[in-house]
Each structure stands twice: as structure tokens, then as C-alpha cells.
Amino acid sequence: MTRALTTRRAGRMPAAAARVPDPTASFWVTKAASTALGEAVSDFSIRVLPPVLAVLLGFALFVAALAFQLTRRRYIPEVYWLTVAAVGIFGTMAADVVHVVIGLPYAVSSTLYALVLAVVFVTWWRVERTLSVHAVTTTRREVFYWAAVVGTFALGTAVGDFTAVGLGLGYLPSIALFAVLILVPALGYRFLRFNAVFAFWFAYVLTRPLGASVADWLGKPVPEGGVGLGSGWVSLAFAVVMVALVATMRIRARAPRASGASEA
């Protein structure tokens, strides 16, 4: 799914005004990696730290990263993706708390998060009259954007756990299921004239259970249906992948300016 996914519109906002990235191919790869990272880091931190301390640290990271992001006034790859990773970590912890501590079944928590996300979208639309990422050029719109991101992570986490554990599919079949489902918005936009904004957020939700299922499959013990690499090693691997992807974005962002300077 490339930039064309959400660019069907009359005009384009100036690139300098954008606070969040365009949904290019590299965006979707990095988004999937961030969801796997969030799942693995959450599992690892809860295993090596007291659960309450792990959740508090995850929440502190989330608040700090989001506050820093909201004060940038423009899209900065390192800051944006740090915030997405923090959302992934804390979002996973929060979803697990709802199931483990409160005891809500995965089907119920999935429905609850879907309703919460729907409320965010309806409110966002009523206030701003747009849900397009290309229109995220003010602080208020960016707050709505991040509220939707948190909602998609919570919903995706609950749905992924529901298929893998609640329905008993396991992690590898869940990967296959969500890999197929994520083709729906891509092909629907390409061939069935799906609304661009709908297709974007549809895909955004599905990257969460897809990436999380990959992380669980790699990290969980063999008796639990995983490969058995361990959440610590999986966390490190996806952290390296994230750093490499973001570094590539930074290099590409600087290339046009460097080229223009040399021509001048």
C-alpha cells in the first residue's frame, strides 16, 4: 500500500506543514515493525520487572514521547516513530491488563475497543470534518490522530489475542489470517474504489494484530505454539529493524536538500 492510498483529494497540504507521515510503502513496513516491537517489549518487560512497575514505566514512556511529539509542529521521523513504539508498548500492556486483571474476555474487550475507536472517529469528524492524515496540520487534529492511533492499537491487540488464544487458532495461523485480511483495504482501494481514508484506517488497525502475531510466534515457547526465541531477543531484533528503517527515512529526507544545495 503506497502513498496513493490516501492521496485521492483535490489539493495537497505543503509537506512542511505535515505533522504525521504520508502512508508510503516504508510507512507500512515501519508500522508493522513497530507493532511487533511493542508486543515483544511489553512481554519482556512484564517478565523481567514487577508487572505494576512495568506498566508504570510503559505509561511514563508513552506520555513523555507523546508530549514531545505534540510540541514538534512538524513531522520528524525519529520523534514520530518513537511515539508509535511507545503507544505499541503501553497499548499492549493496557489491553493485557483489561483481560488478565479485570477478566474481560477477548471478544468483549475487542467490541469495547471498537466502540471506543468509533467514538473517536465520530468526534474527530464532527469537530474537524475530516479524518485524513494529510490534514493533520494543527495540534487539535494531531490530538485526534493520536487518540485514534491508541484506539487502533488497543483494538488490534484485543483482536489478535482473540484469534490466537480466544478462538484457539494459534500464532502462525493468525499471521496468515491477518496477512490475508490486510489485502482487503489494499485491493479494495485499488480495484473497488474504497474510500481512501476508510482504507487507510482499516489497514492501520490490521497491522497491529499482524505484527503482534509475528512477535508472539517468534518469541513464545514451542509448547505455546511459538518458535521459542524469547521476547528479549525478538525485542532487540525489531528495535534494530526500527532504527534502520527510521535512519533510512532520515537519509531520504535529507537527500533532496543536499541535491538542491549542490546544484545551487
C-alpha atoms as a PDB file:
ATOM      1  CA  MET A   1       0.000   0.000   0.000  1.00  0.00           C
ATOM      2  CA  THR A   2       1.673   3.208  -1.110  1.00  0.00           C
ATOM      3  CA  ARG A   3       1.275   6.956  -0.935  1.00  0.00           C
ATOM      4  CA  ALA A   4      -1.682   6.684  -3.309  1.00  0.00           C
ATOM      5  CA  LEU A   5      -3.728   5.118  -0.507  1.00  0.00           C
ATOM      6  CA  THR A   6      -4.740   8.473   0.960  1.00  0.00           C
ATOM      7  CA  THR A   7      -3.837  10.983  -1.706  1.00  0.00           C
ATOM      8  CA  ARG A   8      -7.102  10.992  -3.635  1.00  0.00           C
ATOM      9  CA  ARG A   9      -8.014  14.578  -2.892  1.00  0.00           C
ATOM     10  CA  ALA A  10      -8.246  17.927  -4.643  1.00  0.00           C
ATOM     11  CA  GLY A  11      -5.112  19.551  -3.254  1.00  0.00           C
ATOM     12  CA  ARG A  12      -2.084  18.553  -1.216  1.00  0.00           C
ATOM     13  CA  MET A  13      -1.012  20.161   2.034  1.00  0.00           C
ATOM     14  CA  PRO A  14       2.503  21.592   1.967  1.00  0.00           C
ATOM     15  CA  ALA A  15       4.975  18.926   3.111  1.00  0.00           C
ATOM     16  CA  ALA A  16       6.427  21.306   5.714  1.00  0.00           C
ATOM     17  CA  ALA A  17       3.024  21.635   7.420  1.00  0.00           C
ATOM     18  CA  ALA A  18       2.517  17.904   7.897  1.00  0.00           C
ATOM     19  CA  ARG A  19       2.834  16.605  11.456  1.00  0.00           C
ATOM     20  CA  VAL A  20       2.498  12.924  10.567  1.00  0.00           C
ATOM     21  CA  PRO A  21       3.932  10.929   7.648  1.00  0.00           C
ATOM     22  CA  ASP A  22       2.325  10.056   4.344  1.00  0.00           C
ATOM     23  CA  PRO A  23       1.356   6.351   4.097  1.00  0.00           C
ATOM     24  CA  THR A  24       4.121   5.281   1.735  1.00  0.00           C
ATOM     25  CA  ALA A  25       5.389   1.709   1.419  1.00  0.00           C
ATOM     26  CA  SER A  26       8.116   2.408   4.000  1.00  0.00           C
ATOM     27  CA  PHE A  27       5.438   3.751   6.359  1.00  0.00           C
ATOM     28  CA  TRP A  28       3.550   0.450   6.322  1.00  0.00           C
ATOM     29  CA  VAL A  29       6.693  -1.647   6.793  1.00  0.00           C
ATOM     30  CA  THR A  30       7.781   0.503   9.728  1.00  0.00           C
ATOM     31  CA  LYS A  31       4.286   0.482  11.219  1.00  0.00           C
ATOM     32  CA  ALA A  32       4.198  -3.329  11.134  1.00  0.00           C
ATOM     33  CA  ALA A  33       7.662  -3.495  12.722  1.00  0.00           C
ATOM     34  CA  SER A  34       6.583  -1.095  15.472  1.00  0.00           C
ATOM     35  CA  THR A  35       3.618  -3.292  16.390  1.00  0.00           C
ATOM     36  CA  ALA A  36       5.860  -6.353  16.668  1.00  0.00           C
ATOM     37  CA  LEU A  37       8.323  -4.342  18.749  1.00  0.00           C
ATOM     38  CA  GLY A  38       5.589  -3.127  21.082  1.00  0.00           C
ATOM     39  CA  GLU A  39       4.284  -6.655  21.646  1.00  0.00           C
ATOM     40  CA  ALA A  40       7.729  -8.114  22.320  1.00  0.00           C
ATOM     41  CA  VAL A  41       8.923  -5.301  24.605  1.00  0.00           C
ATOM     42  CA  SER A  42       5.696  -5.447  26.599  1.00  0.00           C
ATOM     43  CA  ASP A  43       6.033  -9.207  27.114  1.00  0.00           C
ATOM     44  CA  PHE A  44       9.717  -8.920  28.003  1.00  0.00           C
ATOM     45  CA  SER A  45       9.326  -6.028  30.451  1.00  0.00           C
ATOM     46  CA  ILE A  46       6.478  -7.699  32.324  1.00  0.00           C
ATOM     47  CA  ARG A  47       8.569 -10.875  32.571  1.00  0.00           C
ATOM     48  CA  VAL A  48      11.731  -9.224  33.943  1.00  0.00           C
ATOM     49  CA  LEU A  49      10.089  -6.465  36.039  1.00  0.00           C
ATOM     50  CA  PRO A  50       7.240  -6.423  38.549  1.00  0.00           C
ATOM     51  CA  PRO A  51       4.119  -6.049  36.387  1.00  0.00           C
ATOM     52  CA  VAL A  52       2.935  -2.858  38.098  1.00  0.00           C
ATOM     53  CA  LEU A  53       6.354  -1.216  37.659  1.00  0.00           C
ATOM     54  CA  ALA A  54       6.495  -2.324  34.018  1.00  0.00           C
ATOM     55  CA  VAL A  55       3.086  -0.801  33.275  1.00  0.00           C
ATOM     56  CA  LEU A  56       4.000   2.459  35.051  1.00  0.00           C
ATOM     57  CA  LEU A  57       7.249   2.730  33.089  1.00  0.00           C
ATOM     58  CA  GLY A  58       5.382   1.981  29.862  1.00  0.00           C
ATOM     59  CA  PHE A  59       2.850   4.694  30.658  1.00  0.00           C
ATOM     60  CA  ALA A  60       5.617   7.194  31.507  1.00  0.00           C
ATOM     61  CA  LEU A  61       7.367   6.487  28.198  1.00  0.00           C
ATOM     62  CA  PHE A  62       4.090   6.898  26.329  1.00  0.00           C
ATOM     63  CA  VAL A  63       3.239  10.246  27.974  1.00  0.00           C
ATOM     64  CA  ALA A  64       6.764  11.638  27.511  1.00  0.00           C
ATOM     65  CA  ALA A  65       7.022  10.582  23.866  1.00  0.00           C
ATOM     66  CA  LEU A  66       3.552  11.904  23.014  1.00  0.00           C
ATOM     67  CA  ALA A  67       4.189  15.229  24.746  1.00  0.00           C
ATOM     68  CA  PHE A  68       7.447  15.650  22.829  1.00  0.00           C
ATOM     69  CA  GLN A  69       5.755  14.749  19.543  1.00  0.00           C
ATOM     70  CA  LEU A  70       2.936  17.245  20.058  1.00  0.00           C
ATOM     71  CA  THR A  71       5.412  20.110  20.513  1.00  0.00           C
ATOM     72  CA  ARG A  72       7.358  19.448  17.286  1.00  0.00           C
ATOM     73  CA  ARG A  73       4.881  21.236  14.941  1.00  0.00           C
ATOM     74  CA  ARG A  74       6.080  19.127  12.003  1.00  0.00           C
ATOM     75  CA  TYR A  75       6.842  15.533  11.123  1.00  0.00           C
ATOM     76  CA  ILE A  76      10.209  14.352  12.454  1.00  0.00           C
ATOM     77  CA  PRO A  77      10.777  10.635  11.755  1.00  0.00           C
ATOM     78  CA  GLU A  78      12.695   9.839  14.945  1.00  0.00           C
ATOM     79  CA  VAL A  79      10.174  11.521  17.225  1.00  0.00           C
ATOM     80  CA  TYR A  80       7.094  10.222  15.434  1.00  0.00           C
ATOM     81  CA  TRP A  81       8.205   6.586  15.380  1.00  0.00           C
ATOM     82  CA  LEU A  82       9.404   6.704  18.979  1.00  0.00           C
ATOM     83  CA  THR A  83       5.879   7.793  19.874  1.00  0.00           C
ATOM     84  CA  VAL A  84       4.333   5.000  17.806  1.00  0.00           C
ATOM     85  CA  ALA A  85       6.619   2.466  19.512  1.00  0.00           C
ATOM     86  CA  ALA A  86       5.653   3.860  22.933  1.00  0.00           C
ATOM     87  CA  VAL A  87       1.972   3.558  22.021  1.00  0.00           C
ATOM     88  CA  GLY A  88       2.603  -0.039  20.975  1.00  0.00           C
ATOM     89  CA  ILE A  89       4.296  -0.925  24.254  1.00  0.00           C
ATOM     90  CA  PHE A  90       1.834   0.726  26.585  1.00  0.00           C
ATOM     91  CA  GLY A  91      -1.165  -0.186  24.417  1.00  0.00           C
ATOM     92  CA  THR A  92      -0.241  -3.864  24.676  1.00  0.00           C
ATOM     93  CA  MET A  93       0.131  -3.586  28.447  1.00  0.00           C
ATOM     94  CA  ALA A  94      -3.199  -1.809  28.808  1.00  0.00           C
ATOM     95  CA  ALA A  95      -5.009  -4.407  26.695  1.00  0.00           C
ATOM     96  CA  ASP A  96      -3.444  -7.226  28.714  1.00  0.00           C
ATOM     97  CA  VAL A  97      -4.472  -5.594  31.983  1.00  0.00           C
ATOM     98  CA  VAL A  98      -8.080  -5.416  30.812  1.00  0.00           C
ATOM     99  CA  HIS A  99      -8.051  -9.168  30.132  1.00  0.00           C
ATOM    100  CA  VAL A 100      -5.794 -10.511  32.907  1.00  0.00           C
ATOM    101  CA  VAL A 101      -6.646  -8.184  35.803  1.00  0.00           C
ATOM    102  CA  ILE A 102     -10.242  -7.198  35.063  1.00  0.00           C
ATOM    103  CA  GLY A 103     -11.047 -10.543  33.455  1.00  0.00           C
ATOM    104  CA  LEU A 104     -12.870  -9.345  30.341  1.00  0.00           C
ATOM    105  CA  PRO A 105     -12.994 -11.991  27.589  1.00  0.00           C
ATOM    106  CA  TYR A 106     -11.133 -11.090  24.406  1.00  0.00           C
ATOM    107  CA  ALA A 107     -14.394 -10.917  22.451  1.00  0.00           C
ATOM    108  CA  VAL A 108     -15.791  -8.362  24.910  1.00  0.00           C
ATOM    109  CA  SER A 109     -12.629  -6.243  25.018  1.00  0.00           C
ATOM    110  CA  SER A 110     -12.449  -6.288  21.205  1.00  0.00           C
ATOM    111  CA  THR A 111     -16.018  -5.000  20.991  1.00  0.00           C
ATOM    112  CA  LEU A 112     -15.351  -2.390  23.670  1.00  0.00           C
ATOM    113  CA  TYR A 113     -12.256  -1.033  21.902  1.00  0.00           C
ATOM    114  CA  ALA A 114     -14.105  -0.977  18.571  1.00  0.00           C
ATOM    115  CA  LEU A 115     -16.777   1.206  20.154  1.00  0.00           C
ATOM    116  CA  VAL A 116     -14.157   3.495  21.700  1.00  0.00           C
ATOM    117  CA  LEU A 117     -12.427   3.876  18.327  1.00  0.00           C
ATOM    118  CA  ALA A 118     -15.762   4.599  16.657  1.00  0.00           C
ATOM    119  CA  VAL A 119     -16.437   7.362  19.197  1.00  0.00           C
ATOM    120  CA  VAL A 120     -13.010   8.879  18.485  1.00  0.00           C
ATOM    121  CA  PHE A 121     -13.649   8.886  14.732  1.00  0.00           C
ATOM    122  CA  VAL A 122     -17.160  10.326  15.054  1.00  0.00           C
ATOM    123  CA  THR A 123     -15.966  13.076  17.386  1.00  0.00           C
ATOM    124  CA  TRP A 124     -12.985  13.839  15.171  1.00  0.00           C
ATOM    125  CA  TRP A 125     -15.250  14.115  12.125  1.00  0.00           C
ATOM    126  CA  ARG A 126     -17.836  16.284  13.865  1.00  0.00           C
ATOM    127  CA  VAL A 127     -15.154  18.725  15.045  1.00  0.00           C
ATOM    128  CA  GLU A 128     -12.788  18.802  12.053  1.00  0.00           C
ATOM    129  CA  ARG A 129     -14.914  17.428   9.163  1.00  0.00           C
ATOM    130  CA  THR A 130     -12.002  15.283   8.003  1.00  0.00           C
ATOM    131  CA  LEU A 131     -10.187  12.130   9.109  1.00  0.00           C
ATOM    132  CA  SER A 132      -7.409  12.396   6.545  1.00  0.00           C
ATOM    133  CA  VAL A 133      -3.820  12.127   7.763  1.00  0.00           C
ATOM    134  CA  HIS A 134      -2.889  14.758   5.185  1.00  0.00           C
ATOM    135  CA  ALA A 135      -4.986  17.287   7.090  1.00  0.00           C
ATOM    136  CA  VAL A 136      -3.156  16.742  10.402  1.00  0.00           C
ATOM    137  CA  THR A 137      -1.563  20.179  10.444  1.00  0.00           C
ATOM    138  CA  THR A 138      -2.792  21.583  13.771  1.00  0.00           C
ATOM    139  CA  THR A 139      -2.380  20.497  17.380  1.00  0.00           C
ATOM    140  CA  ARG A 140      -6.080  19.730  17.790  1.00  0.00           C
ATOM    141  CA  ARG A 141      -6.140  17.498  14.737  1.00  0.00           C
ATOM    142  CA  GLU A 142      -2.987  15.779  15.869  1.00  0.00           C
ATOM    143  CA  VAL A 143      -4.540  15.050  19.273  1.00  0.00           C
ATOM    144  CA  PHE A 144      -7.452  13.367  17.480  1.00  0.00           C
ATOM    145  CA  TYR A 145      -4.975  11.477  15.307  1.00  0.00           C
ATOM    146  CA  TRP A 146      -3.107  10.077  18.298  1.00  0.00           C
ATOM    147  CA  ALA A 147      -6.356   9.228  20.076  1.00  0.00           C
ATOM    148  CA  ALA A 148      -7.281   7.179  17.001  1.00  0.00           C
ATOM    149  CA  VAL A 149      -3.813   5.567  16.933  1.00  0.00           C
ATOM    150  CA  VAL A 150      -4.154   4.499  20.571  1.00  0.00           C
ATOM    151  CA  GLY A 151      -7.608   3.121  19.797  1.00  0.00           C
ATOM    152  CA  THR A 152      -6.336   1.124  16.814  1.00  0.00           C
ATOM    153  CA  PHE A 153      -3.530  -0.387  18.893  1.00  0.00           C
ATOM    154  CA  ALA A 154      -5.910  -1.392  21.672  1.00  0.00           C
ATOM    155  CA  LEU A 155      -8.417  -2.840  19.210  1.00  0.00           C
ATOM    156  CA  GLY A 156      -5.749  -4.635  17.195  1.00  0.00           C
ATOM    157  CA  THR A 157      -4.178  -6.132  20.330  1.00  0.00           C
ATOM    158  CA  ALA A 158      -7.517  -7.448  21.563  1.00  0.00           C
ATOM    159  CA  VAL A 159      -8.465  -8.860  18.143  1.00  0.00           C
ATOM    160  CA  GLY A 160      -5.077 -10.551  17.757  1.00  0.00           C
ATOM    161  CA  ASP A 161      -5.369 -12.187  21.175  1.00  0.00           C
ATOM    162  CA  PHE A 162      -8.950 -13.179  20.377  1.00  0.00           C
ATOM    163  CA  THR A 163      -7.972 -15.084  17.227  1.00  0.00           C
ATOM    164  CA  ALA A 164      -4.777 -16.643  18.586  1.00  0.00           C
ATOM    165  CA  VAL A 165      -5.995 -17.531  22.086  1.00  0.00           C
ATOM    166  CA  GLY A 166      -9.740 -16.989  22.297  1.00  0.00           C
ATOM    167  CA  LEU A 167     -10.523 -18.885  19.097  1.00  0.00           C
ATOM    168  CA  GLY A 168      -7.550 -21.188  19.534  1.00  0.00           C
ATOM    169  CA  LEU A 169      -6.085 -20.551  16.083  1.00  0.00           C
ATOM    170  CA  GLY A 170      -2.551 -20.113  17.360  1.00  0.00           C
ATOM    171  CA  TYR A 171       0.029 -17.558  16.295  1.00  0.00           C
ATOM    172  CA  LEU A 172       1.106 -18.816  12.880  1.00  0.00           C
ATOM    173  CA  PRO A 173      -2.458 -19.248  11.544  1.00  0.00           C
ATOM    174  CA  SER A 174      -3.268 -15.790  12.936  1.00  0.00           C
ATOM    175  CA  ILE A 175      -0.374 -14.354  10.925  1.00  0.00           C
ATOM    176  CA  ALA A 176      -1.809 -15.919   7.777  1.00  0.00           C
ATOM    177  CA  LEU A 177      -5.311 -14.683   8.624  1.00  0.00           C
ATOM    178  CA  PHE A 178      -4.305 -11.064   9.134  1.00  0.00           C
ATOM    179  CA  ALA A 179      -1.940 -11.102   6.158  1.00  0.00           C
ATOM    180  CA  VAL A 180      -4.935 -12.013   4.007  1.00  0.00           C
ATOM    181  CA  LEU A 181      -7.276  -9.536   5.705  1.00  0.00           C
ATOM    182  CA  ILE A 182      -4.888  -6.635   5.220  1.00  0.00           C
ATOM    183  CA  LEU A 183      -5.194  -7.189   1.475  1.00  0.00           C
ATOM    184  CA  VAL A 184      -8.868  -6.210   1.706  1.00  0.00           C
ATOM    185  CA  PRO A 185      -8.290  -2.449   2.120  1.00  0.00           C
ATOM    186  CA  ALA A 186      -5.361  -2.502  -0.307  1.00  0.00           C
ATOM    187  CA  LEU A 187      -7.211  -4.308  -3.086  1.00  0.00           C
ATOM    188  CA  GLY A 188     -10.489  -2.615  -2.213  1.00  0.00           C
ATOM    189  CA  TYR A 189      -8.929   0.799  -2.692  1.00  0.00           C
ATOM    190  CA  ARG A 190      -7.148  -0.275  -5.861  1.00  0.00           C
ATOM    191  CA  PHE A 191      -9.990  -2.081  -7.616  1.00  0.00           C
ATOM    192  CA  LEU A 192     -13.264  -1.442  -5.755  1.00  0.00           C
ATOM    193  CA  ARG A 193     -12.978   2.300  -5.163  1.00  0.00           C
ATOM    194  CA  PHE A 194     -12.879   2.069  -1.381  1.00  0.00           C
ATOM    195  CA  ASN A 195     -12.793   5.468   0.282  1.00  0.00           C
ATOM    196  CA  ALA A 196      -9.123   6.400   0.809  1.00  0.00           C
ATOM    197  CA  VAL A 197      -9.494   7.417   4.458  1.00  0.00           C
ATOM    198  CA  PHE A 198     -11.516   4.292   5.281  1.00  0.00           C
ATOM    199  CA  ALA A 199      -8.929   2.075   3.577  1.00  0.00           C
ATOM    200  CA  PHE A 200      -6.082   3.739   5.482  1.00  0.00           C
ATOM    201  CA  TRP A 201      -7.581   3.280   8.939  1.00  0.00           C
ATOM    202  CA  PHE A 202      -8.804  -0.234   8.073  1.00  0.00           C
ATOM    203  CA  ALA A 203      -5.232  -1.197   7.211  1.00  0.00           C
ATOM    204  CA  TYR A 204      -3.857   0.688  10.216  1.00  0.00           C
ATOM    205  CA  VAL A 205      -5.943  -1.415  12.599  1.00  0.00           C
ATOM    206  CA  LEU A 206      -4.923  -4.682  10.932  1.00  0.00           C
ATOM    207  CA  THR A 207      -1.181  -4.003  11.066  1.00  0.00           C
ATOM    208  CA  ARG A 208      -1.417  -4.277  14.850  1.00  0.00           C
ATOM    209  CA  PRO A 209      -2.615  -7.913  15.158  1.00  0.00           C
ATOM    210  CA  LEU A 210      -0.430  -8.902  12.190  1.00  0.00           C
ATOM    211  CA  GLY A 211       2.776  -7.533  13.714  1.00  0.00           C
ATOM    212  CA  ALA A 212       1.885  -8.699  17.222  1.00  0.00           C
ATOM    213  CA  SER A 213       1.165 -12.222  15.969  1.00  0.00           C
ATOM    214  CA  VAL A 214       4.588 -12.321  14.304  1.00  0.00           C
ATOM    215  CA  ALA A 215       6.271 -11.202  17.544  1.00  0.00           C
ATOM    216  CA  ASP A 216       4.339 -13.746  19.622  1.00  0.00           C
ATOM    217  CA  TRP A 217       5.077 -16.542  17.163  1.00  0.00           C
ATOM    218  CA  LEU A 218       8.806 -15.796  17.255  1.00  0.00           C
ATOM    219  CA  GLY A 219       9.029 -15.193  21.000  1.00  0.00           C
ATOM    220  CA  LYS A 220       6.630 -17.616  22.660  1.00  0.00           C
ATOM    221  CA  PRO A 221       7.870 -21.040  23.834  1.00  0.00           C
ATOM    222  CA  VAL A 222       7.408 -24.000  21.500  1.00  0.00           C
ATOM    223  CA  PRO A 223       4.768 -25.638  23.776  1.00  0.00           C
ATOM    224  CA  GLU A 224       2.687 -22.470  23.404  1.00  0.00           C
ATOM    225  CA  GLY A 225       2.871 -22.524  19.614  1.00  0.00           C
ATOM    226  CA  GLY A 226       5.865 -20.249  19.174  1.00  0.00           C
ATOM    227  CA  VAL A 227       9.389 -20.623  17.830  1.00  0.00           C
ATOM    228  CA  GLY A 228      10.912 -20.086  21.248  1.00  0.00           C
ATOM    229  CA  LEU A 229      13.398 -17.283  20.540  1.00  0.00           C
ATOM    230  CA  GLY A 230      12.313 -15.361  23.612  1.00  0.00           C
ATOM    231  CA  SER A 231      10.718 -11.927  23.871  1.00  0.00           C
ATOM    232  CA  GLY A 232      14.042 -10.299  24.746  1.00  0.00           C
ATOM    233  CA  TRP A 233      15.755 -11.343  21.525  1.00  0.00           C
ATOM    234  CA  VAL A 234      12.671 -10.526  19.480  1.00  0.00           C
ATOM    235  CA  SER A 235      12.551  -7.062  21.090  1.00  0.00           C
ATOM    236  CA  LEU A 236      16.194  -6.461  20.200  1.00  0.00           C
ATOM    237  CA  ALA A 237      15.732  -7.665  16.625  1.00  0.00           C
ATOM    238  CA  PHE A 238      12.743  -5.445  15.916  1.00  0.00           C
ATOM    239  CA  ALA A 239      14.398  -2.486  17.662  1.00  0.00           C
ATOM    240  CA  VAL A 240      17.311  -2.830  15.227  1.00  0.00           C
ATOM    241  CA  VAL A 241      14.872  -3.062  12.308  1.00  0.00           C
ATOM    242  CA  MET A 242      13.046   0.073  13.501  1.00  0.00           C
ATOM    243  CA  VAL A 243      16.276   2.039  13.880  1.00  0.00           C
ATOM    244  CA  ALA A 244      17.401   1.008  10.395  1.00  0.00           C
ATOM    245  CA  LEU A 245      14.066   1.950   8.823  1.00  0.00           C
ATOM    246  CA  VAL A 246      13.891   5.331  10.535  1.00  0.00           C
ATOM    247  CA  ALA A 247      17.521   6.069   9.668  1.00  0.00           C
ATOM    248  CA  THR A 248      16.697   5.326   6.030  1.00  0.00           C
ATOM    249  CA  MET A 249      13.776   7.755   6.198  1.00  0.00           C
ATOM    250  CA  ARG A 250      16.058  10.447   7.594  1.00  0.00           C
ATOM    251  CA  ILE A 251      18.636   9.896   4.852  1.00  0.00           C
ATOM    252  CA  ARG A 252      15.958  10.086   2.152  1.00  0.00           C
ATOM    253  CA  ALA A 253      14.506  13.234   3.692  1.00  0.00           C
ATOM    254  CA  ARG A 254      17.892  14.948   3.575  1.00  0.00           C
ATOM    255  CA  ALA A 255      18.747  13.811   0.029  1.00  0.00           C
ATOM    256  CA  PRO A 256      16.600  16.381  -1.855  1.00  0.00           C
ATOM    257  CA  ARG A 257      18.028  19.247   0.193  1.00  0.00           C
ATOM    258  CA  ALA A 258      21.580  18.046  -0.354  1.00  0.00           C
ATOM    259  CA  SER A 259      20.931  17.671  -4.084  1.00  0.00           C
ATOM    260  CA  GLY A 260      19.425  21.134  -4.285  1.00  0.00           C
ATOM    261  CA  ALA A 261      22.371  22.640  -2.445  1.00  0.00           C
ATOM    262  CA  SER A 262      24.896  21.033  -4.783  1.00  0.00           C
ATOM    263  CA  GLU A 263      23.011  22.241  -7.848  1.00  0.00           C
ATOM    264  CA  ALA A 264      22.955  25.756  -6.456  1.00  0.00           C
END
